[in-house]
Amino acid sequence: MPYISREDRKHLESCEFPPIDNLAEDIRHIPSGKVGGALNYTICRLACLSMRPEEGWSYASLSEVIGHVESAAAELRKRLLNPYEEYAKHKNGDVEELADIEREHNIFWGNRKDPQGNNYDR
């Protein structure tokens, strides 16, 4: 979850190394078609360098690094990609087979209620 305290954010933005904004700007200037690879490379290095255990890597420590990267990807998907897909579905029409499955299994995200009768928030 990327919601760290404002104090922790200030520390990350003012550290002695180039701030995140500078790193992002450098990546943006990489030639088109190579930005994805550069971003992937940077994320991998940042994750491994910042979480490297003093006692050396183990399955558990490697799994923890991957878990944090996957959590960041899940947050981006939830906040950015999923809403865009909902917009495209409403604009262009649903995939009927998927809509049928939702109806068949009573999966209506906007109107779904928990056992107490409260609406689920998607």
N, C-alpha and C. Protein backbone atom coordinates (compact mmCIF):
# COMPACT_ATOMS: atom_id res chain seq x y z
N MET A 1 0.86 -1.17 0.00
CA MET A 1 0.00 0.00 0.00
C MET A 1 0.90 1.24 0.00
N PRO A 2 0.73 2.16 -0.94
CA PRO A 2 1.65 3.29 -1.08
C PRO A 2 1.34 4.48 -0.17
N TYR A 3 0.43 4.33 0.76
CA TYR A 3 0.00 5.48 1.56
C TYR A 3 0.86 5.62 2.80
N ILE A 4 2.08 6.12 2.59
CA ILE A 4 3.00 6.33 3.70
C ILE A 4 2.79 7.72 4.28
N SER A 5 3.30 7.93 5.48
CA SER A 5 3.09 9.20 6.16
C SER A 5 3.76 10.35 5.40
N ARG A 6 3.25 11.54 5.61
CA ARG A 6 3.84 12.73 4.96
C ARG A 6 5.29 12.91 5.39
N GLU A 7 5.59 12.59 6.64
CA GLU A 7 6.97 12.70 7.12
C GLU A 7 7.89 11.75 6.35
N ASP A 8 7.43 10.51 6.15
CA ASP A 8 8.22 9.55 5.38
C ASP A 8 8.37 9.99 3.93
N ARG A 9 7.31 10.59 3.37
CA ARG A 9 7.39 11.09 1.99
C ARG A 9 8.44 12.19 1.88
N LYS A 10 8.44 13.12 2.85
CA LYS A 10 9.43 14.21 2.82
C LYS A 10 10.84 13.65 2.85
N HIS A 11 11.04 12.63 3.67
CA HIS A 11 12.37 12.02 3.75
C HIS A 11 12.78 11.44 2.39
N LEU A 12 11.87 10.73 1.74
CA LEU A 12 12.19 10.13 0.45
C LEU A 12 12.43 11.19 -0.63
N GLU A 13 11.72 12.28 -0.57
CA GLU A 13 11.86 13.33 -1.58
C GLU A 13 13.07 14.23 -1.35
N SER A 14 13.66 14.19 -0.16
CA SER A 14 14.77 15.10 0.12
C SER A 14 16.07 14.37 0.44
N CYS A 15 16.15 13.09 0.14
CA CYS A 15 17.37 12.34 0.46
C CYS A 15 18.54 12.84 -0.39
N GLU A 16 19.74 12.48 0.01
CA GLU A 16 20.94 13.00 -0.66
C GLU A 16 21.09 12.52 -2.09
N PHE A 17 20.46 11.41 -2.43
CA PHE A 17 20.49 10.92 -3.80
C PHE A 17 19.43 11.65 -4.61
N PRO A 18 19.47 11.56 -5.95
CA PRO A 18 18.46 12.26 -6.75
C PRO A 18 17.05 11.83 -6.34
N PRO A 19 16.16 12.80 -6.14
CA PRO A 19 14.78 12.47 -5.75
C PRO A 19 14.05 11.68 -6.83
N ILE A 20 12.96 11.08 -6.42
CA ILE A 20 12.15 10.26 -7.32
C ILE A 20 11.73 11.04 -8.56
N ASP A 21 11.38 12.31 -8.39
CA ASP A 21 10.95 13.12 -9.54
C ASP A 21 12.05 13.20 -10.60
N ASN A 22 13.31 13.34 -10.18
CA ASN A 22 14.41 13.41 -11.14
C ASN A 22 14.59 12.07 -11.86
N LEU A 23 14.46 10.98 -11.13
CA LEU A 23 14.57 9.66 -11.73
C LEU A 23 13.46 9.46 -12.76
N ALA A 24 12.23 9.84 -12.41
CA ALA A 24 11.11 9.70 -13.34
C ALA A 24 11.34 10.55 -14.59
N GLU A 25 11.86 11.75 -14.42
CA GLU A 25 12.12 12.63 -15.57
C GLU A 25 13.19 12.02 -16.48
N ASP A 26 14.22 11.42 -15.88
CA ASP A 26 15.26 10.77 -16.68
C ASP A 26 14.66 9.61 -17.49
N ILE A 27 13.79 8.84 -16.87
CA ILE A 27 13.17 7.71 -17.58
C ILE A 27 12.29 8.22 -18.72
N ARG A 28 11.58 9.33 -18.49
CA ARG A 28 10.70 9.89 -19.53
C ARG A 28 11.47 10.31 -20.78
N HIS A 29 12.76 10.61 -20.65
CA HIS A 29 13.56 11.05 -21.78
C HIS A 29 14.23 9.90 -22.54
N ILE A 30 13.97 8.69 -22.13
CA ILE A 30 14.48 7.53 -22.86
C ILE A 30 13.66 7.39 -24.14
N PRO A 31 14.27 7.00 -25.25
CA PRO A 31 13.53 6.91 -26.52
C PRO A 31 12.29 6.04 -26.42
N SER A 32 11.27 6.45 -27.13
CA SER A 32 10.00 5.73 -27.17
C SER A 32 10.24 4.27 -27.51
N GLY A 33 9.50 3.39 -26.89
CA GLY A 33 9.68 1.97 -27.12
C GLY A 33 10.65 1.32 -26.15
N LYS A 34 11.44 2.13 -25.45
CA LYS A 34 12.40 1.60 -24.49
C LYS A 34 12.07 2.01 -23.05
N VAL A 35 11.04 2.84 -22.88
CA VAL A 35 10.69 3.34 -21.55
C VAL A 35 10.24 2.20 -20.65
N GLY A 36 9.41 1.28 -21.16
CA GLY A 36 8.93 0.17 -20.35
C GLY A 36 10.06 -0.66 -19.78
N GLY A 37 11.03 -0.99 -20.61
CA GLY A 37 12.18 -1.76 -20.14
C GLY A 37 12.99 -0.99 -19.11
N ALA A 38 13.16 0.31 -19.33
CA ALA A 38 13.91 1.13 -18.38
C ALA A 38 13.17 1.22 -17.04
N LEU A 39 11.86 1.35 -17.10
CA LEU A 39 11.07 1.41 -15.86
C LEU A 39 11.15 0.07 -15.12
N ASN A 40 11.01 -1.03 -15.85
CA ASN A 40 11.11 -2.36 -15.24
C ASN A 40 12.47 -2.55 -14.59
N TYR A 41 13.53 -2.20 -15.31
CA TYR A 41 14.90 -2.29 -14.78
C TYR A 41 15.05 -1.47 -13.51
N THR A 42 14.53 -0.24 -13.52
CA THR A 42 14.65 0.65 -12.37
C THR A 42 13.89 0.11 -11.17
N ILE A 43 12.69 -0.38 -11.41
CA ILE A 43 11.89 -0.95 -10.31
C ILE A 43 12.61 -2.15 -9.70
N CYS A 44 13.13 -3.03 -10.55
CA CYS A 44 13.84 -4.21 -10.04
C CYS A 44 15.06 -3.81 -9.21
N ARG A 45 15.85 -2.90 -9.73
CA ARG A 45 17.04 -2.46 -8.98
C ARG A 45 16.66 -1.79 -7.68
N LEU A 46 15.68 -0.90 -7.73
CA LEU A 46 15.26 -0.18 -6.53
C LEU A 46 14.75 -1.15 -5.47
N ALA A 47 13.93 -2.10 -5.88
CA ALA A 47 13.39 -3.08 -4.93
C ALA A 47 14.51 -3.91 -4.31
N CYS A 48 15.41 -4.41 -5.13
CA CYS A 48 16.48 -5.27 -4.60
C CYS A 48 17.50 -4.50 -3.77
N LEU A 49 17.86 -3.31 -4.21
CA LEU A 49 18.85 -2.53 -3.46
C LEU A 49 18.29 -2.04 -2.13
N SER A 50 17.04 -1.67 -2.11
CA SER A 50 16.48 -1.10 -0.88
C SER A 50 16.09 -2.17 0.13
N MET A 51 15.90 -3.41 -0.32
CA MET A 51 15.45 -4.46 0.60
C MET A 51 16.48 -5.56 0.80
N ARG A 52 17.71 -5.37 0.30
CA ARG A 52 18.74 -6.39 0.43
C ARG A 52 19.04 -6.66 1.91
N PRO A 53 18.85 -7.90 2.35
CA PRO A 53 19.12 -8.21 3.75
C PRO A 53 20.62 -8.28 4.03
N GLU A 54 21.02 -7.83 5.19
CA GLU A 54 22.44 -7.88 5.56
C GLU A 54 22.96 -9.31 5.58
N GLU A 55 22.09 -10.25 5.96
CA GLU A 55 22.51 -11.64 6.07
C GLU A 55 22.45 -12.39 4.75
N GLY A 56 22.08 -11.71 3.67
CA GLY A 56 22.01 -12.34 2.36
C GLY A 56 20.59 -12.75 2.01
N TRP A 57 20.39 -13.00 0.74
CA TRP A 57 19.06 -13.34 0.25
C TRP A 57 18.64 -14.73 0.67
N SER A 58 17.37 -14.89 0.93
CA SER A 58 16.76 -16.18 1.20
C SER A 58 15.45 -16.23 0.42
N TYR A 59 14.83 -17.39 0.41
CA TYR A 59 13.53 -17.49 -0.26
C TYR A 59 12.56 -16.48 0.34
N ALA A 60 12.53 -16.38 1.66
CA ALA A 60 11.59 -15.48 2.34
C ALA A 60 11.85 -14.02 1.97
N SER A 61 13.10 -13.60 1.94
CA SER A 61 13.40 -12.20 1.63
C SER A 61 13.11 -11.88 0.17
N LEU A 62 13.42 -12.82 -0.73
CA LEU A 62 13.09 -12.62 -2.14
C LEU A 62 11.58 -12.57 -2.34
N SER A 63 10.87 -13.44 -1.66
CA SER A 63 9.41 -13.46 -1.74
C SER A 63 8.82 -12.15 -1.22
N GLU A 64 9.41 -11.60 -0.18
CA GLU A 64 8.94 -10.32 0.37
C GLU A 64 9.12 -9.19 -0.65
N VAL A 65 10.27 -9.14 -1.31
CA VAL A 65 10.51 -8.12 -2.34
C VAL A 65 9.46 -8.24 -3.44
N ILE A 66 9.26 -9.45 -3.93
CA ILE A 66 8.29 -9.67 -5.00
C ILE A 66 6.89 -9.29 -4.54
N GLY A 67 6.56 -9.61 -3.30
CA GLY A 67 5.25 -9.24 -2.76
C GLY A 67 5.02 -7.74 -2.77
N HIS A 68 6.04 -6.97 -2.42
CA HIS A 68 5.89 -5.50 -2.43
C HIS A 68 5.73 -4.97 -3.85
N VAL A 69 6.48 -5.51 -4.79
CA VAL A 69 6.35 -5.09 -6.19
C VAL A 69 4.97 -5.46 -6.72
N GLU A 70 4.50 -6.67 -6.39
CA GLU A 70 3.15 -7.08 -6.81
C GLU A 70 2.08 -6.21 -6.18
N SER A 71 2.28 -5.80 -4.93
CA SER A 71 1.31 -4.91 -4.28
C SER A 71 1.25 -3.55 -4.98
N ALA A 72 2.41 -3.05 -5.39
CA ALA A 72 2.43 -1.78 -6.12
C ALA A 72 1.70 -1.93 -7.45
N ALA A 73 1.93 -3.04 -8.14
CA ALA A 73 1.24 -3.28 -9.41
C ALA A 73 -0.27 -3.40 -9.19
N ALA A 74 -0.67 -4.08 -8.12
CA ALA A 74 -2.10 -4.23 -7.82
C ALA A 74 -2.74 -2.87 -7.53
N GLU A 75 -2.02 -2.01 -6.85
CA GLU A 75 -2.55 -0.67 -6.55
C GLU A 75 -2.75 0.14 -7.84
N LEU A 76 -1.78 0.07 -8.74
CA LEU A 76 -1.92 0.75 -10.03
C LEU A 76 -3.09 0.20 -10.83
N ARG A 77 -3.24 -1.13 -10.81
CA ARG A 77 -4.35 -1.74 -11.52
C ARG A 77 -5.68 -1.27 -10.94
N LYS A 78 -5.79 -1.31 -9.61
CA LYS A 78 -7.04 -0.93 -8.94
C LYS A 78 -7.39 0.53 -9.18
N ARG A 79 -6.41 1.42 -9.07
CA ARG A 79 -6.67 2.86 -9.13
C ARG A 79 -6.74 3.41 -10.54
N LEU A 80 -5.98 2.81 -11.48
CA LEU A 80 -5.88 3.38 -12.82
C LEU A 80 -6.49 2.51 -13.91
N LEU A 81 -6.13 1.25 -13.95
CA LEU A 81 -6.56 0.40 -15.05
C LEU A 81 -8.02 -0.03 -14.92
N ASN A 82 -8.42 -0.48 -13.73
CA ASN A 82 -9.80 -0.93 -13.56
C ASN A 82 -10.83 0.16 -13.89
N PRO A 83 -10.67 1.38 -13.39
CA PRO A 83 -11.64 2.42 -13.77
C PRO A 83 -11.65 2.69 -15.27
N TYR A 84 -10.50 2.64 -15.91
CA TYR A 84 -10.45 2.85 -17.35
C TYR A 84 -11.19 1.73 -18.09
N GLU A 85 -11.02 0.49 -17.62
CA GLU A 85 -11.73 -0.63 -18.24
C GLU A 85 -13.25 -0.48 -18.06
N GLU A 86 -13.69 -0.01 -16.90
CA GLU A 86 -15.12 0.22 -16.68
C GLU A 86 -15.64 1.30 -17.64
N TYR A 87 -14.87 2.36 -17.82
CA TYR A 87 -15.23 3.42 -18.76
C TYR A 87 -15.37 2.84 -20.17
N ALA A 88 -14.37 2.04 -20.60
CA ALA A 88 -14.40 1.47 -21.95
C ALA A 88 -15.57 0.49 -22.10
N LYS A 89 -15.88 -0.26 -21.05
CA LYS A 89 -17.01 -1.19 -21.10
C LYS A 89 -18.31 -0.43 -21.32
N HIS A 90 -18.50 0.66 -20.59
CA HIS A 90 -19.73 1.44 -20.74
C HIS A 90 -19.78 2.17 -22.08
N LYS A 91 -18.63 2.62 -22.55
CA LYS A 91 -18.57 3.34 -23.82
C LYS A 91 -18.79 2.41 -25.01
N ASN A 92 -18.14 1.25 -24.99
CA ASN A 92 -18.12 0.36 -26.15
C ASN A 92 -19.02 -0.86 -26.04
N GLY A 93 -19.54 -1.11 -24.86
CA GLY A 93 -20.38 -2.29 -24.65
C GLY A 93 -19.61 -3.42 -24.00
N ASP A 94 -20.33 -4.20 -23.23
CA ASP A 94 -19.74 -5.30 -22.46
C ASP A 94 -19.49 -6.51 -23.34
N VAL A 95 -18.70 -7.43 -22.87
CA VAL A 95 -18.54 -8.75 -23.47
C VAL A 95 -19.71 -9.58 -22.94
N GLU A 96 -20.59 -9.98 -23.81
CA GLU A 96 -21.84 -10.62 -23.38
C GLU A 96 -21.62 -11.85 -22.51
N GLU A 97 -20.64 -12.66 -22.84
CA GLU A 97 -20.38 -13.87 -22.06
C GLU A 97 -20.00 -13.52 -20.62
N LEU A 98 -19.20 -12.48 -20.46
CA LEU A 98 -18.83 -12.07 -19.10
C LEU A 98 -20.02 -11.50 -18.36
N ALA A 99 -20.83 -10.70 -19.05
CA ALA A 99 -22.03 -10.15 -18.44
C ALA A 99 -22.99 -11.26 -18.03
N ASP A 100 -23.09 -12.30 -18.86
CA ASP A 100 -23.95 -13.44 -18.54
C ASP A 100 -23.47 -14.13 -17.26
N ILE A 101 -22.17 -14.32 -17.14
CA ILE A 101 -21.61 -14.97 -15.94
C ILE A 101 -21.89 -14.11 -14.71
N GLU A 102 -21.70 -12.79 -14.83
CA GLU A 102 -22.01 -11.90 -13.70
C GLU A 102 -23.47 -12.02 -13.28
N ARG A 103 -24.36 -12.03 -14.27
CA ARG A 103 -25.79 -12.16 -13.95
C ARG A 103 -26.09 -13.52 -13.34
N GLU A 104 -25.50 -14.56 -13.92
CA GLU A 104 -25.75 -15.92 -13.45
C GLU A 104 -25.33 -16.10 -11.99
N HIS A 105 -24.24 -15.46 -11.62
CA HIS A 105 -23.70 -15.61 -10.26
C HIS A 105 -24.00 -14.41 -9.37
N ASN A 106 -24.91 -13.55 -9.82
CA ASN A 106 -25.33 -12.39 -9.05
C ASN A 106 -24.15 -11.49 -8.66
N ILE A 107 -23.28 -11.24 -9.62
CA ILE A 107 -22.11 -10.38 -9.39
C ILE A 107 -22.40 -9.03 -10.03
N PHE A 108 -22.99 -8.15 -9.29
CA PHE A 108 -23.27 -6.81 -9.78
C PHE A 108 -22.57 -5.84 -8.84
N TRP A 109 -21.40 -5.41 -9.21
CA TRP A 109 -20.55 -4.62 -8.31
C TRP A 109 -21.21 -3.34 -7.85
N GLY A 110 -21.91 -2.68 -8.71
CA GLY A 110 -22.49 -1.40 -8.32
C GLY A 110 -23.65 -1.53 -7.37
N ASN A 111 -24.36 -2.69 -7.37
CA ASN A 111 -25.55 -2.86 -6.56
C ASN A 111 -25.44 -4.02 -5.59
N ARG A 112 -24.27 -4.54 -5.39
CA ARG A 112 -24.09 -5.72 -4.55
C ARG A 112 -24.16 -5.34 -3.08
N LYS A 113 -24.79 -6.17 -2.28
CA LYS A 113 -24.93 -5.90 -0.86
C LYS A 113 -24.33 -7.04 -0.04
N ASP A 114 -23.79 -6.68 1.13
CA ASP A 114 -23.28 -7.70 2.04
C ASP A 114 -24.46 -8.27 2.84
N PRO A 115 -24.19 -9.29 3.68
CA PRO A 115 -25.30 -9.92 4.43
C PRO A 115 -26.09 -8.95 5.32
N GLN A 116 -25.48 -7.83 5.73
CA GLN A 116 -26.18 -6.86 6.55
C GLN A 116 -26.97 -5.85 5.71
N GLY A 117 -26.91 -5.98 4.38
CA GLY A 117 -27.65 -5.09 3.51
C GLY A 117 -26.89 -3.84 3.10
N ASN A 118 -25.60 -3.74 3.44
CA ASN A 118 -24.79 -2.59 3.05
C ASN A 118 -24.25 -2.78 1.65
N ASN A 119 -24.19 -1.70 0.86
CA ASN A 119 -23.63 -1.77 -0.49
C ASN A 119 -22.12 -2.01 -0.42
N TYR A 120 -21.65 -2.89 -1.32
CA TYR A 120 -20.21 -3.04 -1.49
C TYR A 120 -19.70 -1.84 -2.26
N ASP A 121 -18.54 -1.38 -1.90
CA ASP A 121 -17.86 -0.36 -2.70
C ASP A 121 -16.86 -1.07 -3.56
N ARG A 122 -16.86 -0.77 -4.83
CA ARG A 122 -15.90 -1.41 -5.72
C ARG A 122 -14.63 -0.64 -5.72
